[in-house]
């Protein structure tokens, strides 16, 4: 299982979840609070997950973060 942490505006959470979850079998999205999201996917889907997350972060002004809470590479 691979996990990605994303921070987006709270108003964009429903759109983000809709896009990711519409890609059947890609990933599950968990909203922790506001726009702090955890996205989990099977390891076999890691490359596709990263492509989708990167595109959505670019479109929505989101940021991928690592486990320490600091900004990660996009």
PDB file of N, CA and C in Angstrom:
ATOM      1  N   UNK A   1       0.850  -1.169   0.000  1.00  0.00           N
ATOM      2  CA  UNK A   1       0.000   0.000   0.000  1.00  0.00           C
ATOM      3  C   UNK A   1       0.898   1.234   0.000  1.00  0.00           C
ATOM      4  N   UNK A   2       0.559   2.214  -0.835  1.00  0.00           N
ATOM      5  CA  UNK A   2       1.267   3.491  -0.848  1.00  0.00           C
ATOM      6  C   UNK A   2       0.316   4.570  -0.343  1.00  0.00           C
ATOM      7  N   UNK A   3       0.890   5.534   0.340  1.00  0.00           N
ATOM      8  CA  UNK A   3       0.091   6.606   0.926  1.00  0.00           C
ATOM      9  C   UNK A   3       0.705   7.947   0.521  1.00  0.00           C
ATOM     10  N   UNK A   4      -0.162   8.870   0.135  1.00  0.00           N
ATOM     11  CA  UNK A   4       0.269  10.227  -0.192  1.00  0.00           C
ATOM     12  C   UNK A   4      -0.548  11.190   0.657  1.00  0.00           C
ATOM     13  N   UNK A   5       0.119  12.205   1.203  1.00  0.00           N
ATOM     14  CA  UNK A   5      -0.584  13.251   1.945  1.00  0.00           C
ATOM     15  C   UNK A   5      -0.649  14.479   1.058  1.00  0.00           C
ATOM     16  N   UNK A   6      -1.829  15.081   1.019  1.00  0.00           N
ATOM     17  CA  UNK A   6      -2.087  16.223   0.149  1.00  0.00           C
ATOM     18  C   UNK A   6      -2.748  17.308   0.990  1.00  0.00           C
ATOM     19  N   UNK A   7      -2.422  18.557   0.699  1.00  0.00           N
ATOM     20  CA  UNK A   7      -3.115  19.680   1.321  1.00  0.00           C
ATOM     21  C   UNK A   7      -3.692  20.532   0.195  1.00  0.00           C
ATOM     22  N   UNK A   8      -5.025  20.689   0.211  1.00  0.00           N
ATOM     23  CA  UNK A   8      -5.726  21.527  -0.749  1.00  0.00           C
ATOM     24  C   UNK A   8      -6.709  22.412   0.015  1.00  0.00           C
ATOM     25  N   UNK A   9      -7.328  23.357  -0.691  1.00  0.00           N
ATOM     26  CA  UNK A   9      -8.367  24.173  -0.048  1.00  0.00           C
ATOM     27  C   UNK A   9      -9.539  23.270   0.299  1.00  0.00           C
ATOM     28  N   UNK A  10     -10.155  23.537   1.437  1.00  0.00           N
ATOM     29  CA  UNK A  10     -11.278  22.715   1.901  1.00  0.00           C
ATOM     30  C   UNK A  10     -12.397  22.660   0.861  1.00  0.00           C
ATOM     31  N   UNK A  11     -12.622  23.739   0.155  1.00  0.00           N
ATOM     32  CA  UNK A  11     -13.706  23.760  -0.839  1.00  0.00           C
ATOM     33  C   UNK A  11     -13.431  22.855  -2.042  1.00  0.00           C
ATOM     34  N   UNK A  12     -12.185  22.410  -2.222  1.00  0.00           N
ATOM     35  CA  UNK A  12     -11.829  21.552  -3.358  1.00  0.00           C
ATOM     36  C   UNK A  12     -11.834  20.061  -3.008  1.00  0.00           C
ATOM     37  N   UNK A  13     -12.093  19.719  -1.753  1.00  0.00           N
ATOM     38  CA  UNK A  13     -12.019  18.322  -1.308  1.00  0.00           C
ATOM     39  C   UNK A  13     -13.005  17.437  -2.056  1.00  0.00           C
ATOM     40  N   UNK A  14     -14.240  17.868  -2.204  1.00  0.00           N
ATOM     41  CA  UNK A  14     -15.248  17.039  -2.863  1.00  0.00           C
ATOM     42  C   UNK A  14     -14.861  16.779  -4.318  1.00  0.00           C
ATOM     43  N   UNK A  15     -14.355  17.802  -5.011  1.00  0.00           N
ATOM     44  CA  UNK A  15     -13.917  17.622  -6.395  1.00  0.00           C
ATOM     45  C   UNK A  15     -12.761  16.629  -6.461  1.00  0.00           C
ATOM     46  N   UNK A  16     -11.750  16.817  -5.594  1.00  0.00           N
ATOM     47  CA  UNK A  16     -10.585  15.934  -5.571  1.00  0.00           C
ATOM     48  C   UNK A  16     -11.013  14.487  -5.340  1.00  0.00           C
ATOM     49  N   UNK A  17     -11.852  14.277  -4.295  1.00  0.00           N
ATOM     50  CA  UNK A  17     -12.316  12.920  -3.995  1.00  0.00           C
ATOM     51  C   UNK A  17     -13.091  12.330  -5.173  1.00  0.00           C
ATOM     52  N   UNK A  18     -13.922  13.138  -5.796  1.00  0.00           N
ATOM     53  CA  UNK A  18     -14.716  12.662  -6.923  1.00  0.00           C
ATOM     54  C   UNK A  18     -13.858  12.177  -8.074  1.00  0.00           C
ATOM     55  N   UNK A  19     -12.820  12.939  -8.402  1.00  0.00           N
ATOM     56  CA  UNK A  19     -11.934  12.553  -9.510  1.00  0.00           C
ATOM     57  C   UNK A  19     -11.175  11.277  -9.172  1.00  0.00           C
ATOM     58  N   UNK A  20     -10.583  11.227  -7.988  1.00  0.00           N
ATOM     59  CA  UNK A  20      -9.779  10.055  -7.608  1.00  0.00           C
ATOM     60  C   UNK A  20     -10.652   8.809  -7.481  1.00  0.00           C
ATOM     61  N   UNK A  21     -11.784   8.936  -6.824  1.00  0.00           N
ATOM     62  CA  UNK A  21     -12.620   7.767  -6.589  1.00  0.00           C
ATOM     63  C   UNK A  21     -13.389   7.338  -7.836  1.00  0.00           C
ATOM     64  N   UNK A  22     -13.520   8.230  -8.823  1.00  0.00           N
ATOM     65  CA  UNK A  22     -14.159   7.855 -10.095  1.00  0.00           C
ATOM     66  C   UNK A  22     -13.233   6.965 -10.927  1.00  0.00           C
ATOM     67  N   UNK A  23     -11.948   7.014 -10.637  1.00  0.00           N
ATOM     68  CA  UNK A  23     -10.976   6.149 -11.309  1.00  0.00           C
ATOM     69  C   UNK A  23     -10.974   4.828 -10.547  1.00  0.00           C
ATOM     70  N   UNK A  24     -11.910   3.962 -10.881  1.00  0.00           N
ATOM     71  CA  UNK A  24     -12.151   2.739 -10.110  1.00  0.00           C
ATOM     72  C   UNK A  24     -10.887   1.960  -9.801  1.00  0.00           C
ATOM     73  N   UNK A  25     -10.726   1.658  -8.533  1.00  0.00           N
ATOM     74  CA  UNK A  25      -9.604   0.857  -8.089  1.00  0.00           C
ATOM     75  C   UNK A  25      -8.310   1.615  -7.914  1.00  0.00           C
ATOM     76  N   UNK A  26      -8.320   2.924  -8.205  1.00  0.00           N
ATOM     77  CA  UNK A  26      -7.078   3.683  -8.097  1.00  0.00           C
ATOM     78  C   UNK A  26      -6.689   3.914  -6.644  1.00  0.00           C
ATOM     79  N   UNK A  27      -7.582   4.520  -5.871  1.00  0.00           N
ATOM     80  CA  UNK A  27      -7.206   4.887  -4.502  1.00  0.00           C
ATOM     81  C   UNK A  27      -8.433   5.220  -3.671  1.00  0.00           C
ATOM     82  N   UNK A  28      -8.214   5.294  -2.381  1.00  0.00           N
ATOM     83  CA  UNK A  28      -9.235   5.773  -1.447  1.00  0.00           C
ATOM     84  C   UNK A  28      -8.720   7.082  -0.861  1.00  0.00           C
ATOM     85  N   UNK A  29      -9.628   8.028  -0.659  1.00  0.00           N
ATOM     86  CA  UNK A  29      -9.261   9.343  -0.136  1.00  0.00           C
ATOM     87  C   UNK A  29      -9.904   9.516   1.241  1.00  0.00           C
ATOM     88  N   UNK A  30      -9.088   9.926   2.207  1.00  0.00           N
ATOM     89  CA  UNK A  30      -9.565  10.160   3.565  1.00  0.00           C
ATOM     90  C   UNK A  30      -9.302  11.610   3.923  1.00  0.00           C
ATOM     91  N   UNK A  31     -10.349  12.342   4.298  1.00  0.00           N
ATOM     92  CA  UNK A  31     -10.212  13.734   4.707  1.00  0.00           C
ATOM     93  C   UNK A  31     -10.006  13.762   6.217  1.00  0.00           C
ATOM     94  N   UNK A  32      -8.871  14.301   6.644  1.00  0.00           N
ATOM     95  CA  UNK A  32      -8.573  14.352   8.074  1.00  0.00           C
ATOM     96  C   UNK A  32      -9.206  15.572   8.711  1.00  0.00           C
ATOM     97  N   UNK A  33      -8.988  16.731   8.144  1.00  0.00           N
ATOM     98  CA  UNK A  33      -9.631  17.971   8.585  1.00  0.00           C
ATOM     99  C   UNK A  33      -9.435  18.992   7.479  1.00  0.00           C
ATOM    100  N   UNK A  34     -10.486  19.693   7.180  1.00  0.00           N
ATOM    101  CA  UNK A  34     -10.412  20.697   6.122  1.00  0.00           C
ATOM    102  C   UNK A  34      -9.885  20.099   4.835  1.00  0.00           C
ATOM    103  N   UNK A  35      -8.784  20.630   4.344  1.00  0.00           N
ATOM    104  CA  UNK A  35      -8.195  20.164   3.097  1.00  0.00           C
ATOM    105  C   UNK A  35      -7.007  19.242   3.276  1.00  0.00           C
ATOM    106  N   UNK A  36      -6.798  18.711   4.484  1.00  0.00           N
ATOM    107  CA  UNK A  36      -5.705  17.759   4.723  1.00  0.00           C
ATOM    108  C   UNK A  36      -6.197  16.368   4.353  1.00  0.00           C
ATOM    109  N   UNK A  37      -5.640  15.801   3.291  1.00  0.00           N
ATOM    110  CA  UNK A  37      -6.101  14.518   2.784  1.00  0.00           C
ATOM    111  C   UNK A  37      -5.022  13.462   2.859  1.00  0.00           C
ATOM    112  N   UNK A  38      -5.450  12.229   3.064  1.00  0.00           N
ATOM    113  CA  UNK A  38      -4.585  11.070   2.945  1.00  0.00           C
ATOM    114  C   UNK A  38      -5.162  10.231   1.817  1.00  0.00           C
ATOM    115  N   UNK A  39      -4.297   9.869   0.860  1.00  0.00           N
ATOM    116  CA  UNK A  39      -4.719   9.084  -0.294  1.00  0.00           C
ATOM    117  C   UNK A  39      -3.954   7.768  -0.247  1.00  0.00           C
ATOM    118  N   UNK A  40      -4.667   6.653  -0.247  1.00  0.00           N
ATOM    119  CA  UNK A  40      -4.044   5.326  -0.147  1.00  0.00           C
ATOM    120  C   UNK A  40      -4.398   4.501  -1.377  1.00  0.00           C
ATOM    121  N   UNK A  41      -3.397   3.796  -1.904  1.00  0.00           N
ATOM    122  CA  UNK A  41      -3.593   2.991  -3.109  1.00  0.00           C
ATOM    123  C   UNK A  41      -2.720   1.743  -3.046  1.00  0.00           C
ATOM    124  N   UNK A  42      -3.089   0.712  -3.802  1.00  0.00           N
ATOM    125  CA  UNK A  42      -2.227  -0.463  -3.906  1.00  0.00           C
ATOM    126  C   UNK A  42      -0.890  -0.073  -4.553  1.00  0.00           C
ATOM    127  N   UNK A  43       0.173  -0.756  -4.170  1.00  0.00           N
ATOM    128  CA  UNK A  43       1.501  -0.444  -4.721  1.00  0.00           C
ATOM    129  C   UNK A  43       1.520  -0.504  -6.238  1.00  0.00           C
ATOM    130  N   UNK A  44       0.743  -1.391  -6.820  1.00  0.00           N
ATOM    131  CA  UNK A  44       0.707  -1.526  -8.283  1.00  0.00           C
ATOM    132  C   UNK A  44       0.143  -0.268  -8.956  1.00  0.00           C
ATOM    133  N   UNK A  45      -0.545   0.568  -8.211  1.00  0.00           N
ATOM    134  CA  UNK A  45      -1.147   1.790  -8.753  1.00  0.00           C
ATOM    135  C   UNK A  45      -0.333   3.043  -8.423  1.00  0.00           C
ATOM    136  N   UNK A  46       0.851   2.892  -7.841  1.00  0.00           N
ATOM    137  CA  UNK A  46       1.624   4.046  -7.363  1.00  0.00           C
ATOM    138  C   UNK A  46       1.928   5.059  -8.459  1.00  0.00           C
ATOM    139  N   UNK A  47       2.365   4.612  -9.618  1.00  0.00           N
ATOM    140  CA  UNK A  47       2.719   5.542 -10.697  1.00  0.00           C
ATOM    141  C   UNK A  47       1.492   6.307 -11.183  1.00  0.00           C
ATOM    142  N   UNK A  48       0.384   5.607 -11.376  1.00  0.00           N
ATOM    143  CA  UNK A  48      -0.848   6.265 -11.820  1.00  0.00           C
ATOM    144  C   UNK A  48      -1.351   7.222 -10.747  1.00  0.00           C
ATOM    145  N   UNK A  49      -1.282   6.815  -9.494  1.00  0.00           N
ATOM    146  CA  UNK A  49      -1.700   7.685  -8.398  1.00  0.00           C
ATOM    147  C   UNK A  49      -0.896   8.974  -8.402  1.00  0.00           C
ATOM    148  N   UNK A  50       0.414   8.857  -8.535  1.00  0.00           N
ATOM    149  CA  UNK A  50       1.256  10.051  -8.542  1.00  0.00           C
ATOM    150  C   UNK A  50       0.920  10.975  -9.710  1.00  0.00           C
ATOM    151  N   UNK A  51       0.652  10.416 -10.881  1.00  0.00           N
ATOM    152  CA  UNK A  51       0.270  11.247 -12.033  1.00  0.00           C
ATOM    153  C   UNK A  51      -1.025  12.002 -11.763  1.00  0.00           C
ATOM    154  N   UNK A  52      -2.030  11.291 -11.263  1.00  0.00           N
ATOM    155  CA  UNK A  52      -3.326  11.920 -10.995  1.00  0.00           C
ATOM    156  C   UNK A  52      -3.197  12.970  -9.899  1.00  0.00           C
ATOM    157  N   UNK A  53      -2.516  12.634  -8.817  1.00  0.00           N
ATOM    158  CA  UNK A  53      -2.348  13.572  -7.705  1.00  0.00           C
ATOM    159  C   UNK A  53      -1.566  14.802  -8.156  1.00  0.00           C
ATOM    160  N   UNK A  54      -0.501  14.604  -8.918  1.00  0.00           N
ATOM    161  CA  UNK A  54       0.289  15.744  -9.401  1.00  0.00           C
ATOM    162  C   UNK A  54      -0.560  16.670 -10.265  1.00  0.00           C
ATOM    163  N   UNK A  55      -1.357  16.104 -11.165  1.00  0.00           N
ATOM    164  CA  UNK A  55      -2.211  16.916 -12.032  1.00  0.00           C
ATOM    165  C   UNK A  55      -3.258  17.675 -11.226  1.00  0.00           C
ATOM    166  N   UNK A  56      -3.874  16.993 -10.263  1.00  0.00           N
ATOM    167  CA  UNK A  56      -4.888  17.661  -9.446  1.00  0.00           C
ATOM    168  C   UNK A  56      -4.277  18.743  -8.561  1.00  0.00           C
ATOM    169  N   UNK A  57      -3.107  18.488  -8.004  1.00  0.00           N
ATOM    170  CA  UNK A  57      -2.438  19.501  -7.184  1.00  0.00           C
ATOM    171  C   UNK A  57      -2.107  20.731  -8.025  1.00  0.00           C
ATOM    172  N   UNK A  58      -1.646  20.511  -9.235  1.00  0.00           N
ATOM    173  CA  UNK A  58      -1.339  21.621 -10.130  1.00  0.00           C
ATOM    174  C   UNK A  58      -2.603  22.421 -10.438  1.00  0.00           C
ATOM    175  N   UNK A  59      -3.681  21.728 -10.765  1.00  0.00           N
ATOM    176  CA  UNK A  59      -4.942  22.387 -11.118  1.00  0.00           C
ATOM    177  C   UNK A  59      -5.577  23.106  -9.929  1.00  0.00           C
ATOM    178  N   UNK A  60      -5.488  22.512  -8.751  1.00  0.00           N
ATOM    179  CA  UNK A  60      -6.179  23.048  -7.578  1.00  0.00           C
ATOM    180  C   UNK A  60      -5.284  23.873  -6.655  1.00  0.00           C
ATOM    181  N   UNK A  61      -4.010  23.980  -6.977  1.00  0.00           N
ATOM    182  CA  UNK A  61      -3.095  24.714  -6.112  1.00  0.00           C
ATOM    183  C   UNK A  61      -2.755  23.959  -4.843  1.00  0.00           C
ATOM    184  N   UNK A  62      -2.809  22.632  -4.909  1.00  0.00           N
ATOM    185  CA  UNK A  62      -2.515  21.795  -3.752  1.00  0.00           C
ATOM    186  C   UNK A  62      -1.037  21.492  -3.628  1.00  0.00           C
ATOM    187  N   UNK A  63      -0.695  20.874  -2.502  1.00  0.00           N
ATOM    188  CA  UNK A  63       0.697  20.531  -2.213  1.00  0.00           C
ATOM    189  C   UNK A  63       0.762  19.113  -1.684  1.00  0.00           C
ATOM    190  N   UNK A  64       1.704  18.322  -2.206  1.00  0.00           N
ATOM    191  CA  UNK A  64       1.993  17.010  -1.623  1.00  0.00           C
ATOM    192  C   UNK A  64       2.962  17.243  -0.468  1.00  0.00           C
ATOM    193  N   UNK A  65       2.712  16.573   0.655  1.00  0.00           N
ATOM    194  CA  UNK A  65       3.605  16.711   1.806  1.00  0.00           C
ATOM    195  C   UNK A  65       4.115  15.342   2.209  1.00  0.00           C
ATOM    196  N   UNK A  66       5.308  15.326   2.817  1.00  0.00           N
ATOM    197  CA  UNK A  66       5.834  14.053   3.299  1.00  0.00           C
ATOM    198  C   UNK A  66       5.342  13.823   4.728  1.00  0.00           C
ATOM    199  N   UNK A  67       5.766  12.755   5.335  1.00  0.00           N
ATOM    200  CA  UNK A  67       5.290  12.388   6.663  1.00  0.00           C
ATOM    201  C   UNK A  67       5.644  13.364   7.768  1.00  0.00           C
ATOM    202  N   UNK A  68       6.634  14.210   7.541  1.00  0.00           N
ATOM    203  CA  UNK A  68       7.043  15.153   8.576  1.00  0.00           C
ATOM    204  C   UNK A  68       6.217  16.437   8.540  1.00  0.00           C
ATOM    205  N   UNK A  69       5.316  16.545   7.556  1.00  0.00           N
ATOM    206  CA  UNK A  69       4.500  17.749   7.453  1.00  0.00           C
ATOM    207  C   UNK A  69       5.140  18.850   6.620  1.00  0.00           C
ATOM    208  N   UNK A  70       6.327  18.591   6.086  1.00  0.00           N
ATOM    209  CA  UNK A  70       6.977  19.575   5.229  1.00  0.00           C
ATOM    210  C   UNK A  70       6.619  19.297   3.790  1.00  0.00           C
ATOM    211  N   UNK A  71       6.719  20.345   2.963  1.00  0.00           N
ATOM    212  CA  UNK A  71       6.391  20.169   1.554  1.00  0.00           C
ATOM    213  C   UNK A  71       7.305  19.147   0.919  1.00  0.00           C
ATOM    214  N   UNK A  72       6.706  18.286   0.090  1.00  0.00           N
ATOM    215  CA  UNK A  72       7.480  17.308  -0.657  1.00  0.00           C
ATOM    216  C   UNK A  72       7.684  17.779  -2.079  1.00  0.00           C
ATOM    217  N   UNK A  73       8.395  16.990  -2.859  1.00  0.00           N
ATOM    218  CA  UNK A  73       8.602  17.324  -4.266  1.00  0.00           C
ATOM    219  C   UNK A  73       7.325  17.138  -5.028  1.00  0.00           C
ATOM    220  N   UNK A  74       7.119  17.975  -6.029  1.00  0.00           N
ATOM    221  CA  UNK A  74       5.952  17.818  -6.879  1.00  0.00           C
ATOM    222  C   UNK A  74       6.329  17.095  -8.114  1.00  0.00           C
TER     223      UNK A  74
END
